Amino acid sequence: MSAPRQRVDFSVGLLYLVLGMGSAWLAQGYGLGTAARMGAGFFPFWLGIGLALLGVGSLLGAWSRQRQAQQMAAWAWRPLGWVLGGICLFALLLQPAGLVLATITLVVTSSRASHAFTWRAALFSAALLSTFCALVFVAGLGLPLPLWPAFTR
């Protein structure tokens, strides 16, 4: 079998296939139920299957001769580090610092990945997103997330 002509499609397809199949496999532990009486794992299972099918389609399309060959660009490690660092900080700060400060930290840290980063835009986005998250998840859905740091409660 020859190498895929579209390396990007191949890589994305492989990622989708692995994530989709992993999600479907993990969702089986929650009980699927039926379409009429869905269990906790029903939606994640079928979403994973759909993602895996998209991955298969992308993998097959990677060998298409109708499109021009394409190589993958080098990884941008610095932006990836900023985004993953923001996510990790959010996870570490959510309980002790609260949803508002953890979200602000996530947005500002992840914004550093952009070449167009400005403090003003990052802080404005962080304020909007943290307000939105507090209204939707805590006030609207009633999730038991702390809004502020532990010492203020």
C-alpha atoms as a PDB file:
ATOM      1  CA  MET A   1       0.000   0.000   0.000  1.00  0.00           C
ATOM      2  CA  SER A   2       1.383   3.417  -0.927  1.00  0.00           C
ATOM      3  CA  ALA A   3       1.755   6.321   1.481  1.00  0.00           C
ATOM      4  CA  PRO A   4      -1.246   8.648   1.803  1.00  0.00           C
ATOM      5  CA  ARG A   5      -1.134  11.719  -0.453  1.00  0.00           C
ATOM      6  CA  GLN A   6      -2.853  13.903   2.143  1.00  0.00           C
ATOM      7  CA  ARG A   7      -0.832  13.593   5.352  1.00  0.00           C
ATOM      8  CA  VAL A   8      -3.067  16.080   7.195  1.00  0.00           C
ATOM      9  CA  ASP A   9      -6.239  14.140   6.339  1.00  0.00           C
ATOM     10  CA  PHE A  10      -4.538  10.914   7.347  1.00  0.00           C
ATOM     11  CA  SER A  11      -3.406  12.295  10.726  1.00  0.00           C
ATOM     12  CA  VAL A  12      -6.770  13.877  11.506  1.00  0.00           C
ATOM     13  CA  GLY A  13      -8.599  10.725  10.422  1.00  0.00           C
ATOM     14  CA  LEU A  14      -6.416   8.585  12.660  1.00  0.00           C
ATOM     15  CA  LEU A  15      -6.987  10.944  15.593  1.00  0.00           C
ATOM     16  CA  TYR A  16     -10.765  10.930  15.065  1.00  0.00           C
ATOM     17  CA  LEU A  17     -10.818   7.154  14.747  1.00  0.00           C
ATOM     18  CA  VAL A  18      -8.851   6.621  17.965  1.00  0.00           C
ATOM     19  CA  LEU A  19     -10.819   9.214  19.966  1.00  0.00           C
ATOM     20  CA  GLY A  20     -14.166   8.007  18.615  1.00  0.00           C
ATOM     21  CA  MET A  21     -13.511   4.348  19.308  1.00  0.00           C
ATOM     22  CA  GLY A  22     -12.113   5.180  22.760  1.00  0.00           C
ATOM     23  CA  SER A  23     -15.196   7.242  23.599  1.00  0.00           C
ATOM     24  CA  ALA A  24     -17.538   4.515  22.396  1.00  0.00           C
ATOM     25  CA  TRP A  25     -15.639   1.885  24.370  1.00  0.00           C
ATOM     26  CA  LEU A  26     -15.679   3.953  27.589  1.00  0.00           C
ATOM     27  CA  ALA A  27     -19.362   4.876  27.154  1.00  0.00           C
ATOM     28  CA  GLN A  28     -20.384   1.215  27.211  1.00  0.00           C
ATOM     29  CA  GLY A  29     -19.589   1.153  30.935  1.00  0.00           C
ATOM     30  CA  TYR A  30     -22.403   3.643  31.606  1.00  0.00           C
ATOM     31  CA  GLY A  31     -25.241   1.586  30.179  1.00  0.00           C
ATOM     32  CA  LEU A  32     -26.541   2.412  26.729  1.00  0.00           C
ATOM     33  CA  GLY A  33     -30.241   1.758  27.100  1.00  0.00           C
ATOM     34  CA  THR A  34     -32.382   2.060  23.972  1.00  0.00           C
ATOM     35  CA  ALA A  35     -33.349   4.895  21.666  1.00  0.00           C
ATOM     36  CA  ALA A  36     -36.674   5.167  23.489  1.00  0.00           C
ATOM     37  CA  ARG A  37     -35.111   4.941  26.957  1.00  0.00           C
ATOM     38  CA  MET A  38     -31.580   6.260  26.726  1.00  0.00           C
ATOM     39  CA  GLY A  39     -28.996   5.405  29.317  1.00  0.00           C
ATOM     40  CA  ALA A  40     -26.105   7.609  30.435  1.00  0.00           C
ATOM     41  CA  GLY A  41     -23.801   6.127  27.819  1.00  0.00           C
ATOM     42  CA  PHE A  42     -26.160   6.321  24.828  1.00  0.00           C
ATOM     43  CA  PHE A  43     -25.188   9.758  23.526  1.00  0.00           C
ATOM     44  CA  PRO A  44     -21.413   9.459  24.144  1.00  0.00           C
ATOM     45  CA  PHE A  45     -21.410   5.996  22.521  1.00  0.00           C
ATOM     46  CA  TRP A  46     -23.105   7.105  19.321  1.00  0.00           C
ATOM     47  CA  LEU A  47     -21.145  10.337  19.220  1.00  0.00           C
ATOM     48  CA  GLY A  48     -17.956   8.268  19.440  1.00  0.00           C
ATOM     49  CA  ILE A  49     -19.161   5.964  16.658  1.00  0.00           C
ATOM     50  CA  GLY A  50     -19.950   8.997  14.485  1.00  0.00           C
ATOM     51  CA  LEU A  51     -16.518  10.487  15.157  1.00  0.00           C
ATOM     52  CA  ALA A  52     -14.866   7.162  14.316  1.00  0.00           C
ATOM     53  CA  LEU A  53     -16.794   7.000  11.027  1.00  0.00           C
ATOM     54  CA  LEU A  54     -15.662  10.526  10.164  1.00  0.00           C
ATOM     55  CA  GLY A  55     -12.138   9.344  10.895  1.00  0.00           C
ATOM     56  CA  VAL A  56     -12.498   6.382   8.545  1.00  0.00           C
ATOM     57  CA  GLY A  57     -13.791   8.717   5.830  1.00  0.00           C
ATOM     58  CA  SER A  58     -10.864  11.053   6.322  1.00  0.00           C
ATOM     59  CA  LEU A  59      -8.415   8.147   6.299  1.00  0.00           C
ATOM     60  CA  LEU A  60      -9.825   6.832   3.029  1.00  0.00           C
ATOM     61  CA  GLY A  61      -9.811  10.313   1.497  1.00  0.00           C
ATOM     62  CA  ALA A  62      -6.117  10.687   2.337  1.00  0.00           C
ATOM     63  CA  TRP A  63      -5.281   8.447  -0.654  1.00  0.00           C
ATOM     64  CA  SER A  64      -7.447  10.399  -3.117  1.00  0.00           C
ATOM     65  CA  ARG A  65      -5.700  11.093  -6.421  1.00  0.00           C
ATOM     66  CA  GLN A  66      -8.131  13.929  -7.216  1.00  0.00           C
ATOM     67  CA  ARG A  67      -6.476  16.242  -4.713  1.00  0.00           C
ATOM     68  CA  GLN A  68      -2.981  17.623  -4.668  1.00  0.00           C
ATOM     69  CA  ALA A  69      -0.485  15.897  -2.359  1.00  0.00           C
ATOM     70  CA  GLN A  70      -0.024  17.689   0.951  1.00  0.00           C
ATOM     71  CA  GLN A  71       2.586  17.296   3.657  1.00  0.00           C
ATOM     72  CA  MET A  72       2.063  18.153   7.312  1.00  0.00           C
ATOM     73  CA  ALA A  73       3.571  21.377   8.553  1.00  0.00           C
ATOM     74  CA  ALA A  74       5.855  21.353  11.559  1.00  0.00           C
ATOM     75  CA  TRP A  75       4.130  21.424  14.925  1.00  0.00           C
ATOM     76  CA  ALA A  76       3.824  24.815  16.587  1.00  0.00           C
ATOM     77  CA  TRP A  77       4.999  23.695  20.028  1.00  0.00           C
ATOM     78  CA  ARG A  78       4.864  27.063  21.750  1.00  0.00           C
ATOM     79  CA  PRO A  79       1.161  27.790  21.052  1.00  0.00           C
ATOM     80  CA  LEU A  80       0.326  24.178  21.884  1.00  0.00           C
ATOM     81  CA  GLY A  81       2.120  24.593  25.215  1.00  0.00           C
ATOM     82  CA  TRP A  82       0.171  27.767  26.035  1.00  0.00           C
ATOM     83  CA  VAL A  83      -3.192  26.143  25.289  1.00  0.00           C
ATOM     84  CA  LEU A  84      -2.452  22.891  27.118  1.00  0.00           C
ATOM     85  CA  GLY A  85      -0.964  24.863  30.001  1.00  0.00           C
ATOM     86  CA  GLY A  86      -4.142  26.930  30.234  1.00  0.00           C
ATOM     87  CA  ILE A  87      -6.271  23.793  30.346  1.00  0.00           C
ATOM     88  CA  CYS A  88      -4.084  22.235  33.046  1.00  0.00           C
ATOM     89  CA  LEU A  89      -4.171  25.421  35.119  1.00  0.00           C
ATOM     90  CA  PHE A  90      -7.961  25.520  34.815  1.00  0.00           C
ATOM     91  CA  ALA A  91      -8.222  21.939  36.057  1.00  0.00           C
ATOM     92  CA  LEU A  92      -5.875  22.621  38.970  1.00  0.00           C
ATOM     93  CA  LEU A  93      -7.493  25.935  39.954  1.00  0.00           C
ATOM     94  CA  LEU A  94     -11.206  25.133  39.580  1.00  0.00           C
ATOM     95  CA  GLN A  95     -11.835  23.845  43.111  1.00  0.00           C
ATOM     96  CA  PRO A  96      -9.441  26.019  45.147  1.00  0.00           C
ATOM     97  CA  ALA A  97      -9.785  29.281  43.177  1.00  0.00           C
ATOM     98  CA  GLY A  98     -13.347  28.957  41.880  1.00  0.00           C
ATOM     99  CA  LEU A  99     -14.889  29.025  38.416  1.00  0.00           C
ATOM    100  CA  VAL A 100     -14.424  32.750  37.777  1.00  0.00           C
ATOM    101  CA  LEU A 101     -10.675  32.923  38.473  1.00  0.00           C
ATOM    102  CA  ALA A 102      -9.975  29.539  36.861  1.00  0.00           C
ATOM    103  CA  THR A 103     -11.777  30.626  33.670  1.00  0.00           C
ATOM    104  CA  ILE A 104      -9.943  33.958  33.594  1.00  0.00           C
ATOM    105  CA  THR A 105      -6.638  32.093  33.977  1.00  0.00           C
ATOM    106  CA  LEU A 106      -7.588  29.664  31.209  1.00  0.00           C
ATOM    107  CA  VAL A 107      -8.533  32.386  28.734  1.00  0.00           C
ATOM    108  CA  VAL A 108      -5.546  34.647  29.416  1.00  0.00           C
ATOM    109  CA  THR A 109      -3.031  31.781  29.338  1.00  0.00           C
ATOM    110  CA  SER A 110      -4.498  30.240  26.174  1.00  0.00           C
ATOM    111  CA  SER A 111      -4.677  33.648  24.500  1.00  0.00           C
ATOM    112  CA  ARG A 112      -0.897  33.845  24.738  1.00  0.00           C
ATOM    113  CA  ALA A 113      -0.795  31.234  21.945  1.00  0.00           C
ATOM    114  CA  SER A 114      -1.970  33.822  19.420  1.00  0.00           C
ATOM    115  CA  HIS A 115       0.390  36.077  17.489  1.00  0.00           C
ATOM    116  CA  ALA A 116      -2.224  38.816  17.875  1.00  0.00           C
ATOM    117  CA  PHE A 117      -2.246  38.610  21.700  1.00  0.00           C
ATOM    118  CA  THR A 118      -3.075  41.800  23.611  1.00  0.00           C
ATOM    119  CA  TRP A 119      -3.755  42.051  27.316  1.00  0.00           C
ATOM    120  CA  ARG A 120      -6.818  44.200  26.744  1.00  0.00           C
ATOM    121  CA  ALA A 121      -8.495  41.692  24.403  1.00  0.00           C
ATOM    122  CA  ALA A 122      -7.534  38.718  26.578  1.00  0.00           C
ATOM    123  CA  LEU A 123      -8.909  40.286  29.769  1.00  0.00           C
ATOM    124  CA  PHE A 124     -12.084  41.410  28.005  1.00  0.00           C
ATOM    125  CA  SER A 125     -12.652  37.893  26.621  1.00  0.00           C
ATOM    126  CA  ALA A 126     -11.869  36.378  30.015  1.00  0.00           C
ATOM    127  CA  ALA A 127     -14.389  38.632  31.754  1.00  0.00           C
ATOM    128  CA  LEU A 128     -17.107  37.803  29.231  1.00  0.00           C
ATOM    129  CA  LEU A 129     -16.458  34.058  29.275  1.00  0.00           C
ATOM    130  CA  SER A 130     -16.221  33.795  33.061  1.00  0.00           C
ATOM    131  CA  THR A 131     -19.496  35.699  33.435  1.00  0.00           C
ATOM    132  CA  PHE A 132     -21.153  33.491  30.820  1.00  0.00           C
ATOM    133  CA  CYS A 133     -19.899  30.285  32.497  1.00  0.00           C
ATOM    134  CA  ALA A 134     -21.066  31.443  35.928  1.00  0.00           C
ATOM    135  CA  LEU A 135     -24.518  32.310  34.595  1.00  0.00           C
ATOM    136  CA  VAL A 136     -24.971  29.132  32.544  1.00  0.00           C
ATOM    137  CA  PHE A 137     -23.344  26.463  34.691  1.00  0.00           C
ATOM    138  CA  VAL A 138     -23.885  27.692  38.250  1.00  0.00           C
ATOM    139  CA  ALA A 139     -26.968  29.913  38.072  1.00  0.00           C
ATOM    140  CA  GLY A 140     -28.741  28.257  35.133  1.00  0.00           C
ATOM    141  CA  LEU A 141     -27.898  24.582  35.460  1.00  0.00           C
ATOM    142  CA  GLY A 142     -27.255  24.603  39.192  1.00  0.00           C
ATOM    143  CA  LEU A 143     -23.929  22.761  38.993  1.00  0.00           C
ATOM    144  CA  PRO A 144     -22.163  22.641  42.354  1.00  0.00           C
ATOM    145  CA  LEU A 145     -19.097  24.593  41.233  1.00  0.00           C
ATOM    146  CA  PRO A 146     -17.514  27.161  43.510  1.00  0.00           C
ATOM    147  CA  LEU A 147     -17.557  30.621  41.959  1.00  0.00           C
ATOM    148  CA  TRP A 148     -14.844  32.160  44.121  1.00  0.00           C
ATOM    149  CA  PRO A 149     -11.750  31.006  46.070  1.00  0.00           C
ATOM    150  CA  ALA A 150     -12.209  28.793  49.121  1.00  0.00           C
ATOM    151  CA  PHE A 151     -11.133  31.517  51.597  1.00  0.00           C
ATOM    152  CA  THR A 152     -14.068  33.767  50.509  1.00  0.00           C
ATOM    153  CA  ARG A 153     -16.718  31.103  51.103  1.00  0.00           C
END
